[in-house]
Amino acid sequence: MKYISVAFSPSSSKGKRLKAVLRSADGKTKTINFGSATGQSFVDHKDAKKKEAWIARHKVNENWSVPDTAGSLAKHILWETTSLANNKKLFARKFGLKLL
């Protein structure tokens, strides 16, 4: 599905950190809760070795080339750079989305 926008907010799902709502041109939405509510990510600890280890563990099972999976969102939003705000902008630009 081709999405046109994304909005991020805290997740209300137990055990998840963030929620992304992707909207398509026909108005349909897909909500994805992602990230551990209790664990730390690169935006928290800023430890490059931990980032490399996380990527190595997850790259086998994830498709990071699509915007609508929890794994892709976690990688691009929580593990890309040390800035959550910057990661949201980079994610929107990478997938051609309007950031709401």
Protein backbone atom coordinates (compact mmCIF):
# COMPACT_ATOMS: atom_id res chain seq x y z
CA MET A 1 0.00 0.00 0.00
CA LYS A 2 1.22 3.52 -0.75
CA TYR A 3 1.18 5.79 2.29
CA ILE A 4 1.15 9.58 2.18
CA SER A 5 1.59 10.59 5.83
CA VAL A 6 2.71 9.41 9.24
CA ALA A 7 1.97 10.61 12.77
CA PHE A 8 3.81 9.48 15.89
CA SER A 9 2.60 9.43 19.50
CA PRO A 10 3.20 7.47 22.69
CA SER A 11 1.76 3.99 22.54
CA SER A 12 -1.18 2.95 24.68
CA SER A 13 -0.39 -0.74 24.06
CA LYS A 14 1.10 -2.52 27.03
CA GLY A 15 4.83 -3.00 26.63
CA LYS A 16 5.21 -0.73 23.58
CA ARG A 17 6.90 2.66 23.47
CA LEU A 18 5.56 4.46 20.41
CA LYS A 19 2.70 4.35 17.94
CA ALA A 20 2.82 5.28 14.26
CA VAL A 21 -0.32 5.94 12.26
CA LEU A 22 0.25 5.69 8.51
CA ARG A 23 -2.40 7.12 6.19
CA SER A 24 -2.90 6.17 2.54
CA ALA A 25 -4.21 8.40 -0.24
CA ASP A 26 -7.65 6.79 0.00
CA GLY A 27 -7.90 7.70 3.70
CA LYS A 28 -7.22 4.25 5.13
CA THR A 29 -4.94 4.08 8.15
CA LYS A 30 -2.60 1.50 9.61
CA THR A 31 -1.57 1.77 13.25
CA ILE A 32 1.65 0.13 14.40
CA ASN A 33 2.88 0.01 17.99
CA PHE A 34 6.61 -0.52 18.27
CA GLY A 35 9.65 -0.37 20.52
CA SER A 36 9.97 -1.74 24.00
CA ALA A 37 8.47 0.41 26.74
CA THR A 38 11.04 -0.88 29.22
CA GLY A 39 14.20 -1.24 27.13
CA GLN A 40 16.54 1.44 25.90
CA SER A 41 17.37 2.26 22.30
CA PHE A 42 20.10 4.26 20.57
CA VAL A 43 18.18 7.52 21.16
CA ASP A 44 18.44 6.79 24.90
CA HIS A 45 21.90 5.30 25.50
CA LYS A 46 23.75 6.64 22.41
CA ASP A 47 26.07 3.62 22.53
CA ALA A 48 27.31 2.74 19.02
CA LYS A 49 28.37 -0.79 20.04
CA LYS A 50 24.90 -1.55 21.39
CA LYS A 51 23.43 -0.16 18.16
CA GLU A 52 25.63 -2.45 16.06
CA ALA A 53 24.63 -5.44 18.21
CA TRP A 54 20.91 -4.59 17.91
CA ILE A 55 21.17 -4.27 14.12
CA ALA A 56 23.09 -7.56 13.86
CA ARG A 57 20.42 -9.37 15.92
CA HIS A 58 17.48 -7.96 14.01
CA LYS A 59 18.64 -7.68 10.40
CA VAL A 60 18.10 -11.39 9.78
CA ASN A 61 14.35 -11.26 10.36
CA GLU A 62 13.39 -7.71 9.40
CA ASN A 63 12.45 -5.91 6.19
CA TRP A 64 13.65 -2.37 6.79
CA SER A 65 12.78 -1.21 3.26
CA VAL A 66 9.05 -0.82 4.03
CA PRO A 67 7.49 1.77 6.35
CA ASP A 68 4.69 -0.32 7.84
CA THR A 69 6.27 -2.92 10.10
CA ALA A 70 7.19 -2.63 13.76
CA GLY A 71 10.75 -3.75 12.99
CA SER A 72 11.24 -1.11 10.32
CA LEU A 73 9.81 1.62 12.53
CA ALA A 74 12.00 0.56 15.47
CA LYS A 75 15.12 0.59 13.32
CA HIS A 76 14.44 3.93 11.65
CA ILE A 77 12.92 5.80 14.61
CA LEU A 78 14.72 4.38 17.66
CA TRP A 79 18.05 3.18 16.26
CA GLU A 80 18.99 5.46 13.30
CA THR A 81 20.58 8.45 15.07
CA THR A 82 20.61 9.73 18.65
CA SER A 83 17.80 12.23 17.94
CA LEU A 84 14.19 11.03 18.00
CA ALA A 85 12.97 14.21 16.26
CA ASN A 86 15.59 13.89 13.53
CA ASN A 87 14.81 10.19 13.05
CA LYS A 88 11.13 10.99 12.47
CA LYS A 89 12.08 13.52 9.77
CA LEU A 90 14.52 11.08 8.14
CA PHE A 91 11.87 8.33 8.16
CA ALA A 92 9.29 10.58 6.51
CA ARG A 93 11.79 11.69 3.87
CA LYS A 94 13.03 8.15 3.18
CA PHE A 95 9.52 6.85 2.52
CA GLY A 96 8.10 10.01 0.89
CA LEU A 97 5.65 10.73 3.70
CA LYS A 98 4.29 13.93 5.18
CA LEU A 99 5.20 14.07 8.88
CA LEU A 100 2.16 15.09 10.91
